[in-house]
Amino acid sequence: MSNERDQAGELVVEARVEAPQEVVFSFFTEPEKYRRWKGQEAELDPRQGGYLSSEDGRGERGSR
């Protein structure tokens, strides 16, 4: 896993996961799997123009 800041100053996190693409994709498109994986509450709409909103366990929310 690597972390870096992009030109806009946002933190970019890259992780390599040894699993089939379909399995990894499902964790970003199925809210219950995302919650189990990240251990935090999340709401997401995986459609184009959708959103991802999650809580980090300290009560802080982030959205994309």
PDB file of N, CA and C in Angstrom:
ATOM      1  N   MET A   1       0.857  -1.160   0.000  1.00  0.00           N
ATOM      2  CA  MET A   1       0.000   0.000   0.000  1.00  0.00           C
ATOM      3  C   MET A   1       0.907   1.227   0.000  1.00  0.00           C
ATOM      4  N   SER A   2       0.497   2.248  -0.720  1.00  0.00           N
ATOM      5  CA  SER A   2       1.266   3.485  -0.728  1.00  0.00           C
ATOM      6  C   SER A   2       0.320   4.670  -0.566  1.00  0.00           C
ATOM      7  N   ASN A   3       0.830   5.728   0.041  1.00  0.00           N
ATOM      8  CA  ASN A   3       0.086   6.968   0.236  1.00  0.00           C
ATOM      9  C   ASN A   3       0.886   8.095  -0.386  1.00  0.00           C
ATOM     10  N   GLU A   4       0.204   9.033  -1.017  1.00  0.00           N
ATOM     11  CA  GLU A   4       0.863  10.216  -1.548  1.00  0.00           C
ATOM     12  C   GLU A   4      -0.171  11.311  -1.721  1.00  0.00           C
ATOM     13  N   ARG A   5       0.284  12.531  -1.889  1.00  0.00           N
ATOM     14  CA  ARG A   5      -0.626  13.648  -2.122  1.00  0.00           C
ATOM     15  C   ARG A   5      -0.605  13.980  -3.604  1.00  0.00           C
ATOM     16  N   ASP A   6      -1.795  14.207  -4.173  1.00  0.00           N
ATOM     17  CA  ASP A   6      -1.838  14.580  -5.581  1.00  0.00           C
ATOM     18  C   ASP A   6      -1.673  16.091  -5.706  1.00  0.00           C
ATOM     19  N   GLN A   7      -1.752  16.619  -6.918  1.00  0.00           N
ATOM     20  CA  GLN A   7      -1.528  18.045  -7.148  1.00  0.00           C
ATOM     21  C   GLN A   7      -2.547  18.932  -6.468  1.00  0.00           C
ATOM     22  N   ALA A   8      -3.744  18.427  -6.217  1.00  0.00           N
ATOM     23  CA  ALA A   8      -4.779  19.221  -5.553  1.00  0.00           C
ATOM     24  C   ALA A   8      -4.631  19.151  -4.038  1.00  0.00           C
ATOM     25  N   GLY A   9      -3.631  18.407  -3.540  1.00  0.00           N
ATOM     26  CA  GLY A   9      -3.424  18.291  -2.107  1.00  0.00           C
ATOM     27  C   GLY A   9      -4.257  17.205  -1.457  1.00  0.00           C
ATOM     28  N   GLU A  10      -4.976  16.415  -2.261  1.00  0.00           N
ATOM     29  CA  GLU A  10      -5.774  15.331  -1.700  1.00  0.00           C
ATOM     30  C   GLU A  10      -4.887  14.120  -1.467  1.00  0.00           C
ATOM     31  N   LEU A  11      -5.186  13.379  -0.436  1.00  0.00           N
ATOM     32  CA  LEU A  11      -4.448  12.166  -0.144  1.00  0.00           C
ATOM     33  C   LEU A  11      -4.909  11.058  -1.077  1.00  0.00           C
ATOM     34  N   VAL A  12      -3.971  10.422  -1.747  1.00  0.00           N
ATOM     35  CA  VAL A  12      -4.264   9.318  -2.658  1.00  0.00           C
ATOM     36  C   VAL A  12      -3.688   8.061  -2.035  1.00  0.00           C
ATOM     37  N   VAL A  13      -4.526   7.048  -1.859  1.00  0.00           N
ATOM     38  CA  VAL A  13      -4.097   5.785  -1.264  1.00  0.00           C
ATOM     39  C   VAL A  13      -4.234   4.698  -2.318  1.00  0.00           C
ATOM     40  N   GLU A  14      -3.166   3.945  -2.510  1.00  0.00           N
ATOM     41  CA  GLU A  14      -3.191   2.845  -3.471  1.00  0.00           C
ATOM     42  C   GLU A  14      -2.886   1.563  -2.730  1.00  0.00           C
ATOM     43  N   ALA A  15      -3.701   0.555  -2.962  1.00  0.00           N
ATOM     44  CA  ALA A  15      -3.490  -0.743  -2.323  1.00  0.00           C
ATOM     45  C   ALA A  15      -3.621  -1.833  -3.373  1.00  0.00           C
ATOM     46  N   ARG A  16      -2.766  -2.815  -3.289  1.00  0.00           N
ATOM     47  CA  ARG A  16      -2.848  -3.968  -4.186  1.00  0.00           C
ATOM     48  C   ARG A  16      -3.451  -5.119  -3.400  1.00  0.00           C
ATOM     49  N   VAL A  17      -4.475  -5.724  -3.971  1.00  0.00           N
ATOM     50  CA  VAL A  17      -5.195  -6.801  -3.309  1.00  0.00           C
ATOM     51  C   VAL A  17      -5.106  -8.036  -4.190  1.00  0.00           C
ATOM     52  N   GLU A  18      -4.676  -9.132  -3.614  1.00  0.00           N
ATOM     53  CA  GLU A  18      -4.579 -10.371  -4.380  1.00  0.00           C
ATOM     54  C   GLU A  18      -5.931 -11.082  -4.343  1.00  0.00           C
ATOM     55  N   ALA A  19      -6.785 -10.711  -5.283  1.00  0.00           N
ATOM     56  CA  ALA A  19      -8.133 -11.287  -5.380  1.00  0.00           C
ATOM     57  C   ALA A  19      -8.653 -11.024  -6.784  1.00  0.00           C
ATOM     58  N   PRO A  20      -9.616 -11.808  -7.235  1.00  0.00           N
ATOM     59  CA  PRO A  20     -10.198 -11.564  -8.554  1.00  0.00           C
ATOM     60  C   PRO A  20     -10.848 -10.179  -8.618  1.00  0.00           C
ATOM     61  N   GLN A  21     -10.805  -9.560  -9.796  1.00  0.00           N
ATOM     62  CA  GLN A  21     -11.369  -8.220  -9.977  1.00  0.00           C
ATOM     63  C   GLN A  21     -12.820  -8.141  -9.541  1.00  0.00           C
ATOM     64  N   GLU A  22     -13.606  -9.181  -9.843  1.00  0.00           N
ATOM     65  CA  GLU A  22     -15.037  -9.154  -9.510  1.00  0.00           C
ATOM     66  C   GLU A  22     -15.239  -9.055  -8.002  1.00  0.00           C
ATOM     67  N   VAL A  23     -14.398  -9.733  -7.244  1.00  0.00           N
ATOM     68  CA  VAL A  23     -14.521  -9.710  -5.786  1.00  0.00           C
ATOM     69  C   VAL A  23     -14.181  -8.320  -5.260  1.00  0.00           C
ATOM     70  N   VAL A  24     -13.062  -7.759  -5.713  1.00  0.00           N
ATOM     71  CA  VAL A  24     -12.657  -6.422  -5.263  1.00  0.00           C
ATOM     72  C   VAL A  24     -13.717  -5.396  -5.659  1.00  0.00           C
ATOM     73  N   PHE A  25     -14.202  -5.455  -6.887  1.00  0.00           N
ATOM     74  CA  PHE A  25     -15.214  -4.517  -7.360  1.00  0.00           C
ATOM     75  C   PHE A  25     -16.459  -4.571  -6.486  1.00  0.00           C
ATOM     76  N   SER A  26     -16.849  -5.774  -6.074  1.00  0.00           N
ATOM     77  CA  SER A  26     -18.061  -5.911  -5.261  1.00  0.00           C
ATOM     78  C   SER A  26     -17.946  -5.190  -3.921  1.00  0.00           C
ATOM     79  N   PHE A  27     -16.732  -5.051  -3.395  1.00  0.00           N
ATOM     80  CA  PHE A  27     -16.557  -4.354  -2.124  1.00  0.00           C
ATOM     81  C   PHE A  27     -16.717  -2.841  -2.272  1.00  0.00           C
ATOM     82  N   PHE A  28     -16.651  -2.345  -3.502  1.00  0.00           N
ATOM     83  CA  PHE A  28     -16.882  -0.918  -3.752  1.00  0.00           C
ATOM     84  C   PHE A  28     -18.281  -0.640  -4.272  1.00  0.00           C
ATOM     85  N   THR A  29     -19.057  -1.678  -4.527  1.00  0.00           N
ATOM     86  CA  THR A  29     -20.395  -1.470  -5.088  1.00  0.00           C
ATOM     87  C   THR A  29     -21.509  -2.024  -4.212  1.00  0.00           C
ATOM     88  N   GLU A  30     -21.162  -2.781  -3.185  1.00  0.00           N
ATOM     89  CA  GLU A  30     -22.154  -3.347  -2.277  1.00  0.00           C
ATOM     90  C   GLU A  30     -21.904  -2.786  -0.880  1.00  0.00           C
ATOM     91  N   PRO A  31     -22.799  -1.903  -0.410  1.00  0.00           N
ATOM     92  CA  PRO A  31     -22.577  -1.209   0.864  1.00  0.00           C
ATOM     93  C   PRO A  31     -22.243  -2.129   2.037  1.00  0.00           C
ATOM     94  N   GLU A  32     -22.907  -3.263   2.170  1.00  0.00           N
ATOM     95  CA  GLU A  32     -22.646  -4.143   3.311  1.00  0.00           C
ATOM     96  C   GLU A  32     -21.219  -4.704   3.263  1.00  0.00           C
ATOM     97  N   LYS A  33     -20.746  -5.061   2.091  1.00  0.00           N
ATOM     98  CA  LYS A  33     -19.361  -5.546   1.968  1.00  0.00           C
ATOM     99  C   LYS A  33     -18.372  -4.434   2.289  1.00  0.00           C
ATOM    100  N   TYR A  34     -18.651  -3.225   1.820  1.00  0.00           N
ATOM    101  CA  TYR A  34     -17.767  -2.082   2.111  1.00  0.00           C
ATOM    102  C   TYR A  34     -17.691  -1.849   3.618  1.00  0.00           C
ATOM    103  N   ARG A  35     -18.841  -1.894   4.301  1.00  0.00           N
ATOM    104  CA  ARG A  35     -18.865  -1.682   5.760  1.00  0.00           C
ATOM    105  C   ARG A  35     -18.055  -2.754   6.486  1.00  0.00           C
ATOM    106  N   ARG A  36     -18.205  -4.020   6.067  1.00  0.00           N
ATOM    107  CA  ARG A  36     -17.441  -5.104   6.709  1.00  0.00           C
ATOM    108  C   ARG A  36     -15.945  -4.936   6.468  1.00  0.00           C
ATOM    109  N   TRP A  37     -15.560  -4.555   5.250  1.00  0.00           N
ATOM    110  CA  TRP A  37     -14.155  -4.420   4.884  1.00  0.00           C
ATOM    111  C   TRP A  37     -13.498  -3.256   5.625  1.00  0.00           C
ATOM    112  N   LYS A  38     -14.141  -2.101   5.598  1.00  0.00           N
ATOM    113  CA  LYS A  38     -13.552  -0.902   6.183  1.00  0.00           C
ATOM    114  C   LYS A  38     -13.833  -0.762   7.676  1.00  0.00           C
ATOM    115  N   GLY A  39     -14.808  -1.510   8.192  1.00  0.00           N
ATOM    116  CA  GLY A  39     -15.138  -1.413   9.606  1.00  0.00           C
ATOM    117  C   GLY A  39     -15.762  -0.084   9.975  1.00  0.00           C
ATOM    118  N   GLN A  40     -16.452   0.524   9.033  1.00  0.00           N
ATOM    119  CA  GLN A  40     -17.075   1.821   9.286  1.00  0.00           C
ATOM    120  C   GLN A  40     -18.384   1.919   8.520  1.00  0.00           C
ATOM    121  N   GLU A  41     -19.264   2.750   9.030  1.00  0.00           N
ATOM    122  CA  GLU A  41     -20.531   2.972   8.352  1.00  0.00           C
ATOM    123  C   GLU A  41     -20.275   3.624   6.998  1.00  0.00           C
ATOM    124  N   ALA A  42     -21.089   3.263   6.025  1.00  0.00           N
ATOM    125  CA  ALA A  42     -20.916   3.839   4.694  1.00  0.00           C
ATOM    126  C   ALA A  42     -22.233   3.824   3.944  1.00  0.00           C
ATOM    127  N   GLU A  43     -22.393   4.831   3.105  1.00  0.00           N
ATOM    128  CA  GLU A  43     -23.488   4.885   2.152  1.00  0.00           C
ATOM    129  C   GLU A  43     -22.834   5.078   0.802  1.00  0.00           C
ATOM    130  N   LEU A  44     -23.292   4.357  -0.201  1.00  0.00           N
ATOM    131  CA  LEU A  44     -22.700   4.547  -1.511  1.00  0.00           C
ATOM    132  C   LEU A  44     -23.694   4.279  -2.616  1.00  0.00           C
ATOM    133  N   ASP A  45     -23.473   4.961  -3.710  1.00  0.00           N
ATOM    134  CA  ASP A  45     -24.241   4.773  -4.931  1.00  0.00           C
ATOM    135  C   ASP A  45     -23.197   4.585  -6.026  1.00  0.00           C
ATOM    136  N   PRO A  46     -22.980   3.338  -6.486  1.00  0.00           N
ATOM    137  CA  PRO A  46     -21.891   3.069  -7.418  1.00  0.00           C
ATOM    138  C   PRO A  46     -22.154   3.483  -8.871  1.00  0.00           C
ATOM    139  N   ARG A  47     -23.310   4.043  -9.140  1.00  0.00           N
ATOM    140  CA  ARG A  47     -23.595   4.454 -10.512  1.00  0.00           C
ATOM    141  C   ARG A  47     -22.766   5.677 -10.891  1.00  0.00           C
ATOM    142  N   GLN A  48     -22.587   5.901 -12.195  1.00  0.00           N
ATOM    143  CA  GLN A  48     -21.863   7.071 -12.667  1.00  0.00           C
ATOM    144  C   GLN A  48     -22.500   8.324 -12.064  1.00  0.00           C
ATOM    145  N   GLY A  49     -21.693   9.183 -11.483  1.00  0.00           N
ATOM    146  CA  GLY A  49     -22.191  10.383 -10.831  1.00  0.00           C
ATOM    147  C   GLY A  49     -22.672  10.124  -9.414  1.00  0.00           C
ATOM    148  N   GLY A  50     -22.494   8.887  -8.917  1.00  0.00           N
ATOM    149  CA  GLY A  50     -22.940   8.500  -7.580  1.00  0.00           C
ATOM    150  C   GLY A  50     -22.050   9.085  -6.497  1.00  0.00           C
ATOM    151  N   TYR A  51     -22.075   8.477  -5.315  1.00  0.00           N
ATOM    152  CA  TYR A  51     -21.339   9.029  -4.192  1.00  0.00           C
ATOM    153  C   TYR A  51     -20.859   7.924  -3.263  1.00  0.00           C
ATOM    154  N   LEU A  52     -19.927   8.282  -2.412  1.00  0.00           N
ATOM    155  CA  LEU A  52     -19.462   7.430  -1.325  1.00  0.00           C
ATOM    156  C   LEU A  52     -19.328   8.325  -0.108  1.00  0.00           C
ATOM    157  N   SER A  53     -20.000   7.967   0.960  1.00  0.00           N
ATOM    158  CA  SER A  53     -19.930   8.714   2.207  1.00  0.00           C
ATOM    159  C   SER A  53     -19.669   7.702   3.312  1.00  0.00           C
ATOM    160  N   SER A  54     -18.619   7.933   4.108  1.00  0.00           N
ATOM    161  CA  SER A  54     -18.290   6.980   5.168  1.00  0.00           C
ATOM    162  C   SER A  54     -17.897   7.699   6.446  1.00  0.00           C
ATOM    163  N   GLU A  55     -18.030   6.992   7.549  1.00  0.00           N
ATOM    164  CA  GLU A  55     -17.672   7.519   8.870  1.00  0.00           C
ATOM    165  C   GLU A  55     -16.487   6.726   9.375  1.00  0.00           C
ATOM    166  N   ASP A  56     -15.482   7.408   9.911  1.00  0.00           N
ATOM    167  CA  ASP A  56     -14.226   6.745  10.241  1.00  0.00           C
ATOM    168  C   ASP A  56     -14.172   6.105  11.632  1.00  0.00           C
ATOM    169  N   GLY A  57     -15.261   6.045  12.350  1.00  0.00           N
ATOM    170  CA  GLY A  57     -15.252   5.437  13.685  1.00  0.00           C
ATOM    171  C   GLY A  57     -15.044   6.457  14.796  1.00  0.00           C
ATOM    172  N   ARG A  58     -14.530   7.633  14.454  1.00  0.00           N
ATOM    173  CA  ARG A  58     -14.370   8.712  15.426  1.00  0.00           C
ATOM    174  C   ARG A  58     -15.487   9.735  15.282  1.00  0.00           C
ATOM    175  N   GLY A  59     -16.463   9.402  14.437  1.00  0.00           N
ATOM    176  CA  GLY A  59     -17.586  10.307  14.232  1.00  0.00           C
ATOM    177  C   GLY A  59     -17.359  11.295  13.098  1.00  0.00           C
ATOM    178  N   GLU A  60     -16.220  11.189  12.413  1.00  0.00           N
ATOM    179  CA  GLU A  60     -15.949  12.094  11.311  1.00  0.00           C
ATOM    180  C   GLU A  60     -16.386  11.458  10.007  1.00  0.00           C
ATOM    181  N   ARG A  61     -17.088  12.236   9.173  1.00  0.00           N
ATOM    182  CA  ARG A  61     -17.582  11.729   7.897  1.00  0.00           C
ATOM    183  C   ARG A  61     -16.774  12.320   6.751  1.00  0.00           C
ATOM    184  N   GLY A  62     -16.617  11.512   5.714  1.00  0.00           N
ATOM    185  CA  GLY A  62     -15.980  11.969   4.484  1.00  0.00           C
ATOM    186  C   GLY A  62     -16.854  11.576   3.318  1.00  0.00           C
ATOM    187  N   SER A  63     -16.870  12.381   2.299  1.00  0.00           N
ATOM    188  CA  SER A  63     -17.692  12.093   1.120  1.00  0.00           C
ATOM    189  C   SER A  63     -16.875  12.278  -0.131  1.00  0.00           C
ATOM    190  N   ARG A  64     -17.298  11.549  -1.160  1.00  0.00           N
ATOM    191  CA  ARG A  64     -16.664  11.636  -2.489  1.00  0.00           C
ATOM    192  C   ARG A  64     -17.725  11.552  -3.528  1.00  0.00           C
TER     193      ARG A  64
END
